[in-house]
C-alpha atoms as a PDB file:
ATOM      1  CA  MET A   1       0.000   0.000   0.000  1.00  0.00           C
ATOM      2  CA  SER A   2       1.296   3.426  -0.941  1.00  0.00           C
ATOM      3  CA  THR A   3       0.614   6.660   0.933  1.00  0.00           C
ATOM      4  CA  LYS A   4       2.141   8.975  -1.664  1.00  0.00           C
ATOM      5  CA  SER A   5       0.904  12.452  -2.531  1.00  0.00           C
ATOM      6  CA  PRO A   6      -2.350  13.107  -4.432  1.00  0.00           C
ATOM      7  CA  GLY A   7      -0.242  13.492  -7.583  1.00  0.00           C
ATOM      8  CA  GLN A   8      -0.408   9.725  -7.978  1.00  0.00           C
ATOM      9  CA  LEU A   9      -4.202   9.969  -7.780  1.00  0.00           C
ATOM     10  CA  VAL A  10      -4.197  12.474 -10.652  1.00  0.00           C
ATOM     11  CA  GLU A  11      -2.214  10.075 -12.832  1.00  0.00           C
ATOM     12  CA  LEU A  12      -4.541   7.175 -12.043  1.00  0.00           C
ATOM     13  CA  LEU A  13      -7.620   9.255 -12.865  1.00  0.00           C
ATOM     14  CA  ARG A  14      -6.044  10.513 -16.094  1.00  0.00           C
ATOM     15  CA  SER A  15      -5.118   7.052 -17.366  1.00  0.00           C
ATOM     16  CA  SER A  16      -8.397   5.294 -16.473  1.00  0.00           C
ATOM     17  CA  THR A  17     -11.535   5.046 -18.597  1.00  0.00           C
ATOM     18  CA  LYS A  18     -13.840   2.862 -16.469  1.00  0.00           C
ATOM     19  CA  ILE A  19     -13.717   4.343 -12.987  1.00  0.00           C
ATOM     20  CA  LEU A  20     -15.794   2.885 -10.175  1.00  0.00           C
ATOM     21  CA  ILE A  21     -16.303   5.283  -7.260  1.00  0.00           C
ATOM     22  CA  PHE A  22     -17.567   4.086  -3.888  1.00  0.00           C
ATOM     23  CA  THR A  23     -18.843   6.817  -1.563  1.00  0.00           C
ATOM     24  CA  GLY A  24     -19.666   7.102   2.115  1.00  0.00           C
ATOM     25  CA  ALA A  25     -20.920   9.771   4.496  1.00  0.00           C
ATOM     26  CA  GLY A  26     -17.671  11.739   4.422  1.00  0.00           C
ATOM     27  CA  ILE A  27     -18.491  13.244   1.035  1.00  0.00           C
ATOM     28  CA  SER A  28     -21.802  14.692   2.243  1.00  0.00           C
ATOM     29  CA  THR A  29     -20.807  16.257   5.558  1.00  0.00           C
ATOM     30  CA  PRO A  30     -19.722  19.473   3.742  1.00  0.00           C
ATOM     31  CA  SER A  31     -23.359  19.699   2.541  1.00  0.00           C
ATOM     32  CA  GLY A  32     -24.615  19.619   6.125  1.00  0.00           C
ATOM     33  CA  ILE A  33     -25.568  15.931   6.255  1.00  0.00           C
ATOM     34  CA  ARG A  34     -24.448  14.406   9.529  1.00  0.00           C
ATOM     35  CA  ASP A  35     -22.388  11.228   9.539  1.00  0.00           C
ATOM     36  CA  PHE A  36     -24.118   8.224  11.094  1.00  0.00           C
ATOM     37  CA  ARG A  37     -21.114   6.308  12.444  1.00  0.00           C
ATOM     38  CA  GLY A  38     -18.463   9.002  12.915  1.00  0.00           C
ATOM     39  CA  PRO A  39     -17.263  10.495  16.212  1.00  0.00           C
ATOM     40  CA  GLN A  40     -20.210  12.926  16.220  1.00  0.00           C
ATOM     41  CA  GLY A  41     -22.514  10.482  14.485  1.00  0.00           C
ATOM     42  CA  ILE A  42     -26.251  10.140  14.893  1.00  0.00           C
ATOM     43  CA  TRP A  43     -25.822   6.584  16.188  1.00  0.00           C
ATOM     44  CA  LYS A  44     -24.668   8.056  19.507  1.00  0.00           C
ATOM     45  CA  GLU A  45     -28.050   9.740  19.973  1.00  0.00           C
ATOM     46  CA  ARG A  46     -30.616   7.222  18.728  1.00  0.00           C
ATOM     47  CA  GLN A  47     -31.093   3.491  18.710  1.00  0.00           C
ATOM     48  CA  PRO A  48     -32.060   2.325  15.209  1.00  0.00           C
ATOM     49  CA  VAL A  49     -35.501   0.910  14.489  1.00  0.00           C
ATOM     50  CA  TYR A  50     -35.019  -2.497  12.898  1.00  0.00           C
ATOM     51  CA  TYR A  51     -37.061  -3.442   9.872  1.00  0.00           C
ATOM     52  CA  ASP A  52     -38.961  -6.249  11.579  1.00  0.00           C
ATOM     53  CA  GLU A  53     -39.879  -3.853  14.394  1.00  0.00           C
ATOM     54  CA  PHE A  54     -41.129  -1.313  11.850  1.00  0.00           C
ATOM     55  CA  MET A  55     -43.306  -3.924  10.177  1.00  0.00           C
ATOM     56  CA  SER A  56     -44.724  -5.416  13.386  1.00  0.00           C
ATOM     57  CA  SER A  57     -45.106  -2.517  15.816  1.00  0.00           C
ATOM     58  CA  GLU A  58     -47.131   0.701  15.565  1.00  0.00           C
ATOM     59  CA  THR A  59     -44.950   2.191  18.306  1.00  0.00           C
ATOM     60  CA  SER A  60     -41.804   1.466  16.281  1.00  0.00           C
ATOM     61  CA  ARG A  61     -43.334   2.984  13.141  1.00  0.00           C
ATOM     62  CA  ILE A  62     -44.137   6.156  15.054  1.00  0.00           C
ATOM     63  CA  GLU A  63     -40.583   6.285  16.426  1.00  0.00           C
ATOM     64  CA  TYR A  64     -39.176   5.743  12.948  1.00  0.00           C
ATOM     65  CA  TRP A  65     -41.309   8.420  11.288  1.00  0.00           C
ATOM     66  CA  ASP A  66     -40.600  10.827  14.142  1.00  0.00           C
ATOM     67  CA  TYR A  67     -36.865  10.531  13.530  1.00  0.00           C
ATOM     68  CA  LYS A  68     -37.234  10.785   9.745  1.00  0.00           C
ATOM     69  CA  ALA A  69     -39.502  13.831  10.070  1.00  0.00           C
ATOM     70  CA  GLU A  70     -36.901  15.494  12.289  1.00  0.00           C
ATOM     71  CA  THR A  71     -34.097  15.005   9.770  1.00  0.00           C
ATOM     72  CA  TRP A  72     -36.089  15.444   6.548  1.00  0.00           C
ATOM     73  CA  PRO A  73     -35.812  19.268   6.215  1.00  0.00           C
ATOM     74  CA  THR A  74     -32.012  19.074   6.374  1.00  0.00           C
ATOM     75  CA  MET A  75     -31.966  16.207   3.889  1.00  0.00           C
ATOM     76  CA  ARG A  76     -34.457  17.905   1.548  1.00  0.00           C
ATOM     77  CA  ASP A  77     -32.673  21.272   1.529  1.00  0.00           C
ATOM     78  CA  ALA A  78     -29.068  20.027   1.306  1.00  0.00           C
ATOM     79  CA  LYS A  79     -27.134  21.033  -1.794  1.00  0.00           C
ATOM     80  CA  PRO A  80     -24.558  18.960  -3.694  1.00  0.00           C
ATOM     81  CA  ASN A  81     -20.981  20.023  -3.095  1.00  0.00           C
ATOM     82  CA  ALA A  82     -17.800  19.999  -5.167  1.00  0.00           C
ATOM     83  CA  VAL A  83     -17.245  16.269  -4.579  1.00  0.00           C
ATOM     84  CA  HIS A  84     -20.662  15.362  -6.020  1.00  0.00           C
ATOM     85  CA  ARG A  85     -20.122  17.711  -8.958  1.00  0.00           C
ATOM     86  CA  SER A  86     -16.706  16.204  -9.677  1.00  0.00           C
ATOM     87  CA  PHE A  87     -18.372  12.891 -10.536  1.00  0.00           C
ATOM     88  CA  VAL A  88     -20.462  14.641 -13.177  1.00  0.00           C
ATOM     89  CA  ARG A  89     -17.268  16.141 -14.623  1.00  0.00           C
ATOM     90  CA  LEU A  90     -15.799  12.633 -14.875  1.00  0.00           C
ATOM     91  CA  ASP A  91     -18.787  11.418 -16.907  1.00  0.00           C
ATOM     92  CA  GLU A  92     -16.923   9.974 -19.902  1.00  0.00           C
ATOM     93  CA  LYS A  93     -14.388   8.213 -17.672  1.00  0.00           C
ATOM     94  CA  LEU A  94     -16.928   7.113 -15.086  1.00  0.00           C
ATOM     95  CA  LEU A  95     -18.281   3.575 -15.057  1.00  0.00           C
ATOM     96  CA  VAL A  96     -20.516   4.019 -11.998  1.00  0.00           C
ATOM     97  CA  VAL A  97     -20.826   5.599  -8.563  1.00  0.00           C
ATOM     98  CA  ILE A  98     -21.868   3.125  -5.879  1.00  0.00           C
ATOM     99  CA  THR A  99     -22.972   4.828  -2.696  1.00  0.00           C
ATOM    100  CA  GLN A 100     -23.985   3.976   0.846  1.00  0.00           C
ATOM    101  CA  ASN A 101     -25.466   7.473   1.192  1.00  0.00           C
ATOM    102  CA  VAL A 102     -29.231   8.013   1.298  1.00  0.00           C
ATOM    103  CA  ASP A 103     -29.283  11.803   0.817  1.00  0.00           C
ATOM    104  CA  GLY A 104     -29.921  11.813  -2.949  1.00  0.00           C
ATOM    105  CA  LEU A 105     -27.179  14.384  -3.552  1.00  0.00           C
ATOM    106  CA  HIS A 106     -25.518  12.401  -6.330  1.00  0.00           C
ATOM    107  CA  GLY A 107     -28.649  12.652  -8.455  1.00  0.00           C
ATOM    108  CA  ARG A 108     -29.249  16.286  -7.574  1.00  0.00           C
ATOM    109  CA  ALA A 109     -25.725  17.109  -8.729  1.00  0.00           C
ATOM    110  CA  GLY A 110     -26.694  15.857 -12.191  1.00  0.00           C
ATOM    111  CA  LEU A 111     -25.187  12.373 -12.146  1.00  0.00           C
ATOM    112  CA  ARG A 112     -26.938  10.219 -14.705  1.00  0.00           C
ATOM    113  CA  ARG A 113     -29.236   7.579 -13.247  1.00  0.00           C
ATOM    114  CA  ASP A 114     -27.535   4.820 -15.241  1.00  0.00           C
ATOM    115  CA  LYS A 115     -24.251   5.708 -13.523  1.00  0.00           C
ATOM    116  CA  LEU A 116     -25.572   5.555  -9.951  1.00  0.00           C
ATOM    117  CA  ILE A 117     -26.282   2.647  -7.622  1.00  0.00           C
ATOM    118  CA  GLU A 118     -27.767   3.690  -4.269  1.00  0.00           C
ATOM    119  CA  LEU A 119     -27.144   0.494  -2.313  1.00  0.00           C
ATOM    120  CA  HIS A 120     -28.926   1.754   0.794  1.00  0.00           C
ATOM    121  CA  GLY A 121     -31.749   3.545  -1.011  1.00  0.00           C
ATOM    122  CA  SER A 122     -32.759   7.195  -0.820  1.00  0.00           C
ATOM    123  CA  ASN A 123     -34.705   9.467   1.499  1.00  0.00           C
ATOM    124  CA  GLY A 124     -35.897  11.298  -1.608  1.00  0.00           C
ATOM    125  CA  ARG A 125     -38.645   8.719  -2.116  1.00  0.00           C
ATOM    126  CA  VAL A 126     -41.268   7.020   0.064  1.00  0.00           C
ATOM    127  CA  GLU A 127     -42.072   3.402  -0.737  1.00  0.00           C
ATOM    128  CA  CYS A 128     -45.036   1.207   0.137  1.00  0.00           C
ATOM    129  CA  GLN A 129     -43.796  -1.991   1.759  1.00  0.00           C
ATOM    130  CA  THR A 130     -46.654  -3.962   0.175  1.00  0.00           C
ATOM    131  CA  CYS A 131     -47.200  -2.762  -3.401  1.00  0.00           C
ATOM    132  CA  HIS A 132     -43.831  -0.914  -3.667  1.00  0.00           C
ATOM    133  CA  GLU A 133     -45.350   2.177  -5.232  1.00  0.00           C
ATOM    134  CA  GLU A 134     -43.091   5.204  -4.713  1.00  0.00           C
ATOM    135  CA  SER A 135     -44.168   8.760  -3.960  1.00  0.00           C
ATOM    136  CA  ASP A 136     -42.932  12.203  -2.920  1.00  0.00           C
ATOM    137  CA  PRO A 137     -41.966  12.413   0.786  1.00  0.00           C
ATOM    138  CA  ASP A 138     -43.259  15.924   1.570  1.00  0.00           C
ATOM    139  CA  PRO A 139     -47.021  15.158   1.760  1.00  0.00           C
ATOM    140  CA  HIS A 140     -46.368  12.119   3.958  1.00  0.00           C
ATOM    141  CA  PHE A 141     -44.200  14.067   6.384  1.00  0.00           C
ATOM    142  CA  GLU A 142     -46.824  16.815   6.537  1.00  0.00           C
ATOM    143  CA  SER A 143     -49.512  14.230   7.230  1.00  0.00           C
ATOM    144  CA  PHE A 144     -47.440  12.680  10.006  1.00  0.00           C
ATOM    145  CA  LYS A 145     -46.701  16.092  11.478  1.00  0.00           C
ATOM    146  CA  GLN A 146     -50.403  16.938  11.603  1.00  0.00           C
ATOM    147  CA  SER A 147     -51.786  13.601  12.824  1.00  0.00           C
ATOM    148  CA  GLY A 148     -48.930  11.791  14.532  1.00  0.00           C
ATOM    149  CA  ASN A 149     -49.997   8.644  12.676  1.00  0.00           C
ATOM    150  CA  PRO A 150     -47.544   6.802  10.425  1.00  0.00           C
ATOM    151  CA  PRO A 151     -48.822   7.184   6.859  1.00  0.00           C
ATOM    152  CA  THR A 152     -50.203   4.247   4.920  1.00  0.00           C
ATOM    153  CA  CYS A 153     -50.586   3.513   1.212  1.00  0.00           C
ATOM    154  CA  HIS A 154     -53.896   3.472  -0.665  1.00  0.00           C
ATOM    155  CA  CYS A 155     -53.448  -0.303  -0.755  1.00  0.00           C
ATOM    156  CA  GLY A 156     -53.232  -0.409   3.036  1.00  0.00           C
ATOM    157  CA  GLY A 157     -49.505  -1.124   3.188  1.00  0.00           C
ATOM    158  CA  PHE A 158     -47.083   0.667   5.482  1.00  0.00           C
ATOM    159  CA  LEU A 159     -45.234   3.598   3.917  1.00  0.00           C
ATOM    160  CA  LYS A 160     -41.546   4.054   4.628  1.00  0.00           C
ATOM    161  CA  PRO A 161     -38.785   6.275   3.223  1.00  0.00           C
ATOM    162  CA  ALA A 162     -37.082   4.177   0.554  1.00  0.00           C
ATOM    163  CA  THR A 163     -33.932   3.485   2.536  1.00  0.00           C
ATOM    164  CA  ILE A 164     -32.570   0.168   3.753  1.00  0.00           C
ATOM    165  CA  SER A 165     -33.228  -0.186   7.476  1.00  0.00           C
ATOM    166  CA  PHE A 166     -31.226  -2.310   9.888  1.00  0.00           C
ATOM    167  CA  GLY A 167     -32.179  -5.923   9.346  1.00  0.00           C
ATOM    168  CA  GLN A 168     -33.586  -5.238   5.872  1.00  0.00           C
ATOM    169  CA  SER A 169     -32.012  -6.945   2.866  1.00  0.00           C
ATOM    170  CA  LEU A 170     -30.362  -4.909   0.133  1.00  0.00           C
ATOM    171  CA  HIS A 171     -32.015  -5.127  -3.265  1.00  0.00           C
ATOM    172  CA  GLN A 172     -30.606  -8.048  -5.217  1.00  0.00           C
ATOM    173  CA  THR A 173     -30.679  -6.126  -8.497  1.00  0.00           C
ATOM    174  CA  ASP A 174     -28.451  -3.406  -6.975  1.00  0.00           C
ATOM    175  CA  LEU A 175     -25.991  -5.971  -5.639  1.00  0.00           C
ATOM    176  CA  GLU A 176     -25.802  -7.684  -9.023  1.00  0.00           C
ATOM    177  CA  ALA A 177     -25.249  -4.368 -10.823  1.00  0.00           C
ATOM    178  CA  ALA A 178     -22.508  -3.434  -8.340  1.00  0.00           C
ATOM    179  CA  ASP A 179     -20.804  -6.792  -8.846  1.00  0.00           C
ATOM    180  CA  ARG A 180     -20.879  -6.397 -12.634  1.00  0.00           C
ATOM    181  CA  ALA A 181     -19.340  -2.935 -12.340  1.00  0.00           C
ATOM    182  CA  ALA A 182     -16.618  -4.185 -10.003  1.00  0.00           C
ATOM    183  CA  LYS A 183     -15.651  -6.835 -12.540  1.00  0.00           C
ATOM    184  CA  ASN A 184     -15.308  -4.254 -15.346  1.00  0.00           C
ATOM    185  CA  ALA A 185     -13.658  -1.306 -13.591  1.00  0.00           C
ATOM    186  CA  ASP A 186     -10.084  -0.291 -14.406  1.00  0.00           C
ATOM    187  CA  LEU A 187      -9.835   1.910 -11.286  1.00  0.00           C
ATOM    188  CA  VAL A 188     -11.752   1.902  -8.017  1.00  0.00           C
ATOM    189  CA  VAL A 189     -11.783   4.867  -5.641  1.00  0.00           C
ATOM    190  CA  SER A 190     -13.344   4.832  -2.168  1.00  0.00           C
ATOM    191  CA  LEU A 191     -14.235   8.281  -0.851  1.00  0.00           C
ATOM    192  CA  GLY A 192     -15.299   9.255   2.654  1.00  0.00           C
ATOM    193  CA  SER A 193     -16.140   5.772   3.917  1.00  0.00           C
ATOM    194  CA  SER A 194     -14.837   3.808   6.890  1.00  0.00           C
ATOM    195  CA  LEU A 195     -15.490   0.710   4.736  1.00  0.00           C
ATOM    196  CA  SER A 196     -16.970  -1.031   7.744  1.00  0.00           C
ATOM    197  CA  VAL A 197     -20.440  -1.913   6.425  1.00  0.00           C
ATOM    198  CA  TYR A 198     -20.814  -5.319   4.815  1.00  0.00           C
ATOM    199  CA  PRO A 199     -21.572  -6.213   2.029  1.00  0.00           C
ATOM    200  CA  ALA A 200     -21.312  -2.710   0.554  1.00  0.00           C
ATOM    201  CA  SER A 201     -17.660  -2.341   1.498  1.00  0.00           C
ATOM    202  CA  GLN A 202     -16.711  -5.511  -0.376  1.00  0.00           C
ATOM    203  CA  VAL A 203     -17.573  -4.051  -3.783  1.00  0.00           C
ATOM    204  CA  ALA A 204     -14.288  -2.163  -3.956  1.00  0.00           C
ATOM    205  CA  LEU A 205     -12.316  -5.257  -2.997  1.00  0.00           C
ATOM    206  CA  VAL A 206     -13.874  -7.291  -5.818  1.00  0.00           C
ATOM    207  CA  ALA A 207     -12.432  -4.821  -8.322  1.00  0.00           C
ATOM    208  CA  ALA A 208      -9.079  -4.628  -6.541  1.00  0.00           C
ATOM    209  CA  GLN A 209      -8.722  -8.388  -6.278  1.00  0.00           C
ATOM    210  CA  ARG A 210      -9.041  -8.741 -10.034  1.00  0.00           C
ATOM    211  CA  GLY A 211      -6.219  -6.252 -10.544  1.00  0.00           C
ATOM    212  CA  ALA A 212      -7.769  -2.765 -10.709  1.00  0.00           C
ATOM    213  CA  PRO A 213      -5.803  -0.098  -8.802  1.00  0.00           C
ATOM    214  CA  TYR A 214      -7.574   0.726  -5.539  1.00  0.00           C
ATOM    215  CA  VAL A 215      -7.465   4.201  -3.981  1.00  0.00           C
ATOM    216  CA  VAL A 216      -8.838   4.914  -0.492  1.00  0.00           C
ATOM    217  CA  ILE A 217      -9.343   8.542   0.581  1.00  0.00           C
ATOM    218  CA  ASN A 218     -10.767   9.208   4.023  1.00  0.00           C
ATOM    219  CA  ARG A 219     -10.249  11.305   7.118  1.00  0.00           C
ATOM    220  CA  GLY A 220      -9.628   8.707   9.803  1.00  0.00           C
ATOM    221  CA  PRO A 221      -8.998   4.964   9.686  1.00  0.00           C
ATOM    222  CA  THR A 222     -10.837   2.520   7.450  1.00  0.00           C
ATOM    223  CA  ASP A 223     -11.283  -1.230   7.631  1.00  0.00           C
ATOM    224  CA  HIS A 224      -9.245  -1.612   4.432  1.00  0.00           C
ATOM    225  CA  ASP A 225      -6.149   0.159   5.741  1.00  0.00           C
ATOM    226  CA  GLY A 226      -3.182  -2.167   5.471  1.00  0.00           C
ATOM    227  CA  LEU A 227      -4.712  -4.508   2.900  1.00  0.00           C
ATOM    228  CA  THR A 228      -2.366  -5.453   0.073  1.00  0.00           C
ATOM    229  CA  GLU A 229      -5.135  -4.690  -2.454  1.00  0.00           C
ATOM    230  CA  VAL A 230      -4.971  -0.964  -1.607  1.00  0.00           C
ATOM    231  CA  THR A 231      -2.754   0.797  -4.151  1.00  0.00           C
ATOM    232  CA  LEU A 232      -2.932   4.290  -2.678  1.00  0.00           C
ATOM    233  CA  ARG A 233      -4.171   5.471   0.732  1.00  0.00           C
ATOM    234  CA  ILE A 234      -4.625   9.214   1.176  1.00  0.00           C
ATOM    235  CA  GLU A 235      -5.490  10.540   4.633  1.00  0.00           C
ATOM    236  CA  GLY A 236      -7.505  13.749   4.676  1.00  0.00           C
ATOM    237  CA  ASP A 237     -10.710  15.517   3.747  1.00  0.00           C
ATOM    238  CA  VAL A 238     -12.166  14.214   0.479  1.00  0.00           C
ATOM    239  CA  PHE A 239     -13.514  17.711  -0.260  1.00  0.00           C
ATOM    240  CA  ASP A 240      -9.976  19.132  -0.306  1.00  0.00           C
ATOM    241  CA  ILE A 241      -8.399  16.256  -2.224  1.00  0.00           C
ATOM    242  CA  PHE A 242     -10.667  14.734  -4.848  1.00  0.00           C
ATOM    243  CA  PRO A 243     -12.226  17.653  -6.817  1.00  0.00           C
ATOM    244  CA  PRO A 244      -8.840  19.308  -7.438  1.00  0.00           C
ATOM    245  CA  ALA A 245      -7.404  15.950  -8.548  1.00  0.00           C
ATOM    246  CA  VAL A 246     -10.269  15.517 -11.010  1.00  0.00           C
ATOM    247  CA  GLY A 247      -9.683  18.994 -12.375  1.00  0.00           C
ATOM    248  CA  GLN A 248      -5.969  18.325 -12.907  1.00  0.00           C
ATOM    249  CA  ALA A 249      -6.625  14.916 -14.476  1.00  0.00           C
ATOM    250  CA  LEU A 250      -9.105  16.313 -16.990  1.00  0.00           C
ATOM    251  CA  ASP A 251      -6.947  19.331 -17.802  1.00  0.00           C
ATOM    252  CA  ARG A 252      -4.101  16.988 -18.716  1.00  0.00           C
ATOM    253  CA  SER A 253      -6.202  14.473 -20.672  1.00  0.00           C
END
């Protein structure tokens, strides 16, 4: 594993044509989205509502919607930052962005839908757990705010922001698409993730194990630090490191 300067990152970006980017919460904190697992993370303040609890308990559904209603205005009003926009700039070189984030900022930055896999879903949609119809969150949050009752679908099913809850399985189609991308990438870059959540964190390793250079950029340790598959480890703020590297790589293409 190398810990050389970001200049090596610029060269890797410049020479690659099928880049897979894996993103975590560290790329969205500059947009005002709080990290879940970091030192000041939300996990220190709230116990998560597990999916089976949501589906079986009215009390748990109220607790869940209460938390989501509290955080929704921040999520709704957040703006993409320079990191999100740098992926759009990379469009022709970019194979896909695979993200753990549920803030929807990749799409709002203009990233094409066919180049985005949201492994953990998005707060930008509400999904019925029975018929799987999706709808706009705002009316459901307003309804909950007024009545205190968790909203339900016209079919009678429970409505839930379209994110993956603890104990809920990831969508198989997303996992398969991520695996295909990992097998075709010629560079994989992990940005702002502790790489501690399985199976999402394994996507980058699939690409690295088949020979693609693997770059890890994060402020603080990650679970992949020290692995022989890591080509380049850069410690620091993704916001300060990655967008300038993209700019230099494209200027020199």
